[in-house]
Amino acid sequence: MSQPCRVAIGQLCSSSNLSKNLATVTGLIADALDRECQLIFFPEATDFLSRNSRHSQHLAQGTPAFVEELQRCIKTLVHDKARPIDVSIGVHMPASAGSADTRTKNTLLYINHEGKILDKYQKVHLFDVDIKNGPIIKESNSVQPGTALPRVINTPAGKLGSAICYDIRFPELSAYLRANGAEIICYPSAFTMRTGEAHWELLGRTRAIDTQCFVVMPGQQGIHDIYADDWVDTEENSGNASIKRESWGHSLIIDPWGTVIARGNEDMKPQLVVADLDFTMMNKVRQNMPLEAQRRRDLFYK
């Protein structure tokens, strides 16, 4: 890849209503096509945000239909705009039929301009934490951990390696992607307010510097309406009506030198974050500081 390539992040605030979320997604894809973007990245859990694990399992039954309709919409938009665009999007896939494990699968899909799913990655590092002065979260209560590393795939925007949210804290994963040819690494996320304020930009810039890749960080942003659907939890206490979910957002696109070249604003309204990726610049960074060639695999990878 030598020519600059225009990419976009579709920053949004997903609710528990899959139909409304899909409408937001398709609107952002249309806007990205109008701005001549070749690839658009959406956050983790774009299909929905839920109240609890039971709610998530219920809503995930609608995710396959969400994905199928998105595939149709991509084909229609590409036809109508007479311009191609590929889509990376985070969703919750339901448990496999007949599986004893009923937890959902936190999954990243890569869908090309023909509406075909070219790649799937299931999040391997789950967010099980107890943060001082922050939330206690145990993602593994509702999500199955993935068992396979992500692939590096060819895209119109270059060679893409992807991970999901909490994966960004494990540098061995990004090093693996770089070693397998990644030029761009994507981290679709729904960071908490506490961890986002402290670590979001720092982690993204660090991974860009570590790998000498472009790093794309699509973030959920704002207070999520997790009561936007008609599901009633018979096990939910009346006091839980005040459950609140809020995500940090502040989506970023970072170059291989660690410079933020595009960022989202703090508006909760859906928005595009657009940047042109200059691969000539990336190649110069890698030539001037050849980290990959200097890596001591004889010591670290026995």
Protein backbone atom coordinates (compact mmCIF):
# COMPACT_ATOMS: atom_id res chain seq x y z
CA MET A 1 0.00 0.00 0.00
CA SER A 2 1.61 3.27 -1.14
CA GLN A 3 -1.24 5.66 -1.87
CA PRO A 4 -2.97 7.42 1.06
CA CYS A 5 -6.26 5.81 1.99
CA ARG A 6 -9.24 7.50 3.62
CA VAL A 7 -10.86 5.69 6.53
CA ALA A 8 -13.60 6.61 8.98
CA ILE A 9 -14.74 5.74 12.46
CA GLY A 10 -18.48 5.66 13.06
CA GLN A 11 -18.75 6.87 16.65
CA LEU A 12 -22.13 6.29 18.26
CA CYS A 13 -24.00 5.54 21.47
CA SER A 14 -25.73 2.19 21.02
CA SER A 15 -28.96 1.47 22.88
CA SER A 16 -30.77 -1.79 23.58
CA ASN A 17 -32.84 -1.30 20.40
CA LEU A 18 -31.18 -3.13 17.52
CA SER A 19 -33.37 -1.57 14.82
CA LYS A 20 -32.51 1.97 15.90
CA ASN A 21 -28.84 1.08 16.14
CA LEU A 22 -28.90 -0.36 12.62
CA ALA A 23 -30.46 2.83 11.28
CA THR A 24 -27.66 4.84 12.88
CA VAL A 25 -25.03 2.54 11.40
CA THR A 26 -26.42 2.73 7.87
CA GLY A 27 -26.65 6.52 8.10
CA LEU A 28 -22.99 6.74 9.08
CA ILE A 29 -21.97 4.39 6.25
CA ALA A 30 -23.83 6.61 3.78
CA ASP A 31 -22.04 9.67 5.17
CA ALA A 32 -18.68 7.90 4.91
CA LEU A 33 -19.38 7.05 1.28
CA ASP A 34 -20.17 10.70 0.59
CA ARG A 35 -16.76 11.57 2.04
CA GLU A 36 -15.07 8.97 -0.18
CA CYS A 37 -13.94 6.69 2.65
CA GLN A 38 -12.83 3.21 1.65
CA LEU A 39 -13.33 1.60 5.06
CA ILE A 40 -15.42 2.46 8.11
CA PHE A 41 -14.83 1.11 11.61
CA PHE A 42 -17.59 0.82 14.22
CA PRO A 43 -17.17 0.18 17.97
CA GLU A 44 -17.51 -2.91 20.07
CA ALA A 45 -21.14 -3.88 20.76
CA THR A 46 -22.57 -1.72 17.98
CA ASP A 47 -25.63 -3.96 17.75
CA PHE A 48 -26.71 -3.27 21.35
CA LEU A 49 -25.80 -2.44 24.95
CA SER A 50 -27.73 -4.34 27.62
CA ARG A 51 -28.65 -4.23 31.30
CA ASN A 52 -27.28 -7.60 32.37
CA SER A 53 -26.31 -11.04 31.11
CA ARG A 54 -29.93 -12.23 30.74
CA HIS A 55 -30.79 -9.14 28.72
CA SER A 56 -27.70 -9.63 26.56
CA GLN A 57 -28.57 -13.25 25.79
CA HIS A 58 -32.10 -12.18 24.87
CA LEU A 59 -30.98 -9.36 22.58
CA ALA A 60 -28.27 -11.46 20.92
CA GLN A 61 -30.98 -13.64 19.41
CA GLY A 62 -31.66 -10.68 17.13
CA THR A 63 -28.04 -10.11 16.13
CA PRO A 64 -27.97 -12.54 13.16
CA ALA A 65 -30.92 -10.65 11.63
CA PHE A 66 -29.14 -7.35 12.42
CA VAL A 67 -26.06 -8.56 10.55
CA GLU A 68 -28.02 -9.90 7.57
CA GLU A 69 -29.87 -6.61 7.19
CA LEU A 70 -26.59 -4.71 7.47
CA GLN A 71 -25.12 -6.84 4.68
CA ARG A 72 -28.09 -5.96 2.47
CA CYS A 73 -27.80 -2.28 3.35
CA ILE A 74 -24.10 -2.20 2.47
CA LYS A 75 -24.80 -3.65 -0.97
CA THR A 76 -27.63 -1.17 -1.54
CA LEU A 77 -25.62 1.85 -0.41
CA VAL A 78 -22.61 0.85 -2.50
CA HIS A 79 -24.87 0.45 -5.53
CA ASP A 80 -26.68 3.74 -4.96
CA LYS A 81 -23.51 5.74 -4.28
CA ALA A 82 -21.54 3.97 -7.04
CA ARG A 83 -18.57 3.73 -4.71
CA PRO A 84 -17.22 0.80 -2.61
CA ILE A 85 -16.77 0.74 1.15
CA ASP A 86 -15.91 -2.06 3.58
CA VAL A 87 -17.19 -2.23 7.17
CA SER A 88 -15.64 -3.43 10.43
CA ILE A 89 -18.23 -3.76 13.20
CA GLY A 90 -18.48 -5.21 16.69
CA VAL A 91 -21.52 -7.33 17.60
CA HIS A 92 -22.72 -9.97 20.07
CA MET A 93 -23.23 -13.32 18.37
CA PRO A 94 -25.50 -15.76 20.23
CA ALA A 95 -24.20 -19.01 21.66
CA SER A 96 -24.02 -21.92 19.25
CA ALA A 97 -27.21 -23.94 18.99
CA GLY A 98 -27.26 -26.78 21.48
CA SER A 99 -24.24 -25.50 23.39
CA ALA A 100 -24.25 -25.85 27.17
CA ASP A 101 -22.52 -22.46 27.31
CA THR A 102 -25.28 -19.90 26.71
CA ARG A 103 -23.04 -16.85 26.96
CA THR A 104 -22.78 -14.55 23.95
CA LYS A 105 -19.70 -14.14 21.74
CA ASN A 106 -18.15 -10.67 21.62
CA THR A 107 -17.32 -10.67 17.93
CA LEU A 108 -15.77 -8.36 15.36
CA LEU A 109 -16.97 -8.79 11.77
CA TYR A 110 -15.30 -7.56 8.61
CA ILE A 111 -17.85 -7.12 5.81
CA ASN A 112 -16.74 -6.14 2.32
CA HIS A 113 -18.46 -3.84 -0.16
CA GLU A 114 -20.36 -6.80 -1.62
CA GLY A 115 -21.91 -7.50 1.78
CA LYS A 116 -19.84 -10.64 2.35
CA ILE A 117 -18.37 -11.45 5.76
CA LEU A 118 -14.66 -11.94 5.11
CA ASP A 119 -13.43 -12.29 8.67
CA LYS A 120 -14.60 -12.90 12.24
CA TYR A 121 -12.69 -12.45 15.47
CA GLN A 122 -13.99 -13.38 18.93
CA LYS A 123 -12.54 -11.36 21.82
CA VAL A 124 -9.96 -13.40 23.74
CA HIS A 125 -9.28 -11.15 26.76
CA LEU A 126 -12.40 -10.51 28.84
CA PHE A 127 -12.84 -7.46 31.07
CA ASP A 128 -13.05 -8.92 34.59
CA VAL A 129 -11.98 -6.09 36.91
CA ASP A 130 -12.63 -4.36 40.22
CA ILE A 131 -11.54 -0.75 39.75
CA LYS A 132 -10.96 1.44 42.78
CA ASN A 133 -13.55 4.25 42.80
CA GLY A 134 -14.97 2.70 39.64
CA PRO A 135 -17.16 -0.17 38.51
CA ILE A 136 -16.87 -3.86 39.29
CA ILE A 137 -17.25 -5.61 35.95
CA LYS A 138 -17.11 -9.30 35.12
CA GLU A 139 -17.55 -9.64 31.37
CA SER A 140 -17.07 -13.40 31.59
CA ASN A 141 -20.47 -13.67 33.29
CA SER A 142 -22.12 -12.98 29.95
CA VAL A 143 -19.42 -13.51 27.29
CA GLN A 144 -17.53 -16.58 26.09
CA PRO A 145 -13.79 -15.98 25.62
CA GLY A 146 -12.46 -16.56 22.13
CA THR A 147 -9.98 -19.36 21.55
CA ALA A 148 -8.18 -18.15 18.41
CA LEU A 149 -5.91 -15.22 17.64
CA PRO A 150 -7.06 -12.65 15.07
CA ARG A 151 -5.87 -12.83 11.48
CA VAL A 152 -4.24 -10.08 9.45
CA ILE A 153 -6.34 -9.53 6.34
CA ASN A 154 -5.95 -7.55 3.14
CA THR A 155 -8.33 -4.59 2.84
CA PRO A 156 -8.65 -1.58 0.52
CA ALA A 157 -6.95 0.39 3.31
CA GLY A 158 -3.99 -1.93 3.76
CA LYS A 159 -3.24 -4.98 5.89
CA LEU A 160 -5.55 -4.95 8.90
CA GLY A 161 -5.18 -6.69 12.24
CA SER A 162 -8.00 -6.35 14.73
CA ALA A 163 -8.59 -6.84 18.43
CA ILE A 164 -11.38 -5.74 20.79
CA CYS A 165 -11.33 -3.25 23.69
CA TYR A 166 -9.56 -4.90 26.66
CA ASP A 167 -7.25 -6.70 24.20
CA ILE A 168 -5.36 -3.40 23.83
CA ARG A 169 -3.80 -3.92 27.28
CA PHE A 170 -1.93 -7.01 26.07
CA PRO A 171 1.00 -5.84 23.91
CA GLU A 172 1.92 -9.38 22.89
CA LEU A 173 -1.25 -9.45 20.78
CA SER A 174 -0.37 -6.28 18.88
CA ALA A 175 3.22 -7.54 18.45
CA TYR A 176 1.79 -10.74 16.99
CA LEU A 177 -0.32 -8.74 14.52
CA ARG A 178 2.65 -6.62 13.46
CA ALA A 179 4.80 -9.73 13.00
CA ASN A 180 2.09 -11.07 10.70
CA GLY A 181 2.18 -8.02 8.48
CA ALA A 182 -0.33 -5.60 9.99
CA GLU A 183 -0.20 -1.99 8.81
CA ILE A 184 -3.36 -0.98 10.67
CA ILE A 185 -4.58 -2.28 14.02
CA CYS A 186 -8.16 -1.65 15.07
CA TYR A 187 -9.45 -1.69 18.66
CA PRO A 188 -13.25 -1.26 18.68
CA SER A 189 -14.21 -0.50 22.26
CA ALA A 190 -16.71 0.52 24.90
CA PHE A 191 -14.33 1.83 27.58
CA THR A 192 -15.68 2.82 30.97
CA MET A 193 -15.46 6.46 31.99
CA ARG A 194 -12.86 5.72 34.66
CA THR A 195 -10.49 3.67 32.50
CA GLY A 196 -11.11 5.81 29.43
CA GLU A 197 -10.10 9.05 31.07
CA ALA A 198 -6.97 7.46 32.53
CA HIS A 199 -5.74 5.13 29.79
CA TRP A 200 -7.62 5.34 26.46
CA GLU A 201 -5.37 7.69 24.49
CA LEU A 202 -2.24 6.55 26.30
CA LEU A 203 -2.84 2.92 25.35
CA GLY A 204 -3.64 3.75 21.73
CA ARG A 205 -0.57 5.89 21.21
CA THR A 206 1.61 3.29 22.93
CA ARG A 207 0.36 0.48 20.69
CA ALA A 208 0.96 2.67 17.62
CA ILE A 209 4.53 3.39 18.72
CA ASP A 210 5.18 -0.26 19.70
CA THR A 211 4.02 -1.64 16.37
CA GLN A 212 4.67 1.29 14.01
CA CYS A 213 1.14 0.75 12.71
CA PHE A 214 -1.80 3.06 12.27
CA VAL A 215 -4.10 2.47 15.22
CA VAL A 216 -7.84 2.99 14.79
CA MET A 217 -9.90 3.21 17.99
CA PRO A 218 -13.68 3.35 17.46
CA GLY A 219 -15.37 4.04 20.78
CA GLN A 220 -18.90 3.89 22.07
CA GLN A 221 -19.61 7.32 23.57
CA GLY A 222 -22.25 8.60 25.97
CA ILE A 223 -25.01 7.36 28.25
CA HIS A 224 -26.65 4.31 26.71
CA ASP A 225 -30.41 3.90 26.67
CA ILE A 226 -30.52 0.31 27.88
CA TYR A 227 -34.31 0.45 28.31
CA ALA A 228 -35.01 1.18 24.64
CA ASP A 229 -36.51 -2.26 23.94
CA ASP A 230 -39.61 -3.98 25.32
CA TRP A 231 -37.89 -6.79 27.25
CA VAL A 232 -39.00 -7.31 30.84
CA ASP A 233 -36.64 -9.05 33.25
CA THR A 234 -38.74 -11.08 35.65
CA GLU A 235 -35.68 -11.52 37.88
CA GLU A 236 -34.86 -7.82 38.00
CA ASN A 237 -35.46 -5.97 41.26
CA SER A 238 -37.44 -2.76 41.07
CA GLY A 239 -34.41 -0.88 42.35
CA ASN A 240 -32.44 -1.78 39.24
CA ALA A 241 -34.41 0.67 37.12
CA SER A 242 -31.61 3.14 37.79
CA ILE A 243 -28.95 0.99 36.06
CA LYS A 244 -26.73 3.30 34.02
CA ARG A 245 -24.17 2.47 31.36
CA GLU A 246 -21.87 5.16 30.06
CA SER A 247 -18.93 4.85 27.68
CA TRP A 248 -15.89 7.09 27.30
CA GLY A 249 -15.82 7.41 23.50
CA HIS A 250 -13.24 9.94 22.27
CA SER A 251 -12.54 7.83 19.17
CA LEU A 252 -9.01 8.17 17.80
CA ILE A 253 -6.95 7.54 14.69
CA ILE A 254 -3.23 7.48 15.45
CA ASP A 255 -0.26 7.35 13.08
CA PRO A 256 2.78 5.04 13.43
CA TRP A 257 4.77 7.79 15.19
CA GLY A 258 2.13 7.94 17.91
CA THR A 259 0.53 11.20 16.78
CA VAL A 260 -3.26 11.52 16.97
CA ILE A 261 -4.34 12.53 13.46
CA ALA A 262 -8.11 12.50 14.06
CA ARG A 263 -10.33 12.40 17.14
CA GLY A 264 -14.03 12.40 17.94
CA ASN A 265 -15.63 15.17 19.92
CA GLU A 266 -17.65 14.75 23.12
CA ASP A 267 -21.02 15.03 21.42
CA MET A 268 -23.25 12.01 22.06
CA LYS A 269 -24.71 12.37 18.57
CA PRO A 270 -23.45 9.90 15.94
CA GLN A 271 -20.42 11.26 14.12
CA LEU A 272 -17.69 10.39 11.67
CA VAL A 273 -14.01 10.64 12.54
CA VAL A 274 -12.08 10.69 9.25
CA ALA A 275 -8.39 10.52 8.37
CA ASP A 276 -6.18 9.84 5.38
CA LEU A 277 -3.61 7.14 6.16
CA ASP A 278 -0.22 7.95 4.64
CA PHE A 279 1.63 4.68 4.16
CA THR A 280 4.71 6.44 2.80
CA MET A 281 5.03 8.01 6.24
CA MET A 282 4.59 4.59 7.86
CA ASN A 283 7.34 3.10 5.71
CA LYS A 284 9.73 5.92 6.63
CA VAL A 285 9.09 5.38 10.34
CA ARG A 286 9.80 1.67 9.96
CA GLN A 287 12.94 2.24 7.87
CA ASN A 288 14.37 4.84 10.24
CA MET A 289 13.72 2.70 13.33
CA PRO A 290 13.56 -0.96 12.19
CA LEU A 291 12.02 -2.43 15.31
CA GLU A 292 10.73 -5.59 13.66
CA ALA A 293 14.14 -6.48 12.23
CA GLN A 294 15.82 -5.76 15.57
CA ARG A 295 13.42 -7.81 17.68
CA ARG A 296 15.33 -10.49 19.64
CA ARG A 297 13.21 -13.48 18.77
CA ASP A 298 16.11 -15.73 19.73
CA LEU A 299 15.60 -14.61 23.34
CA PHE A 300 11.90 -13.89 23.67
CA TYR A 301 10.22 -16.49 21.46
CA LYS A 302 11.78 -19.80 22.44
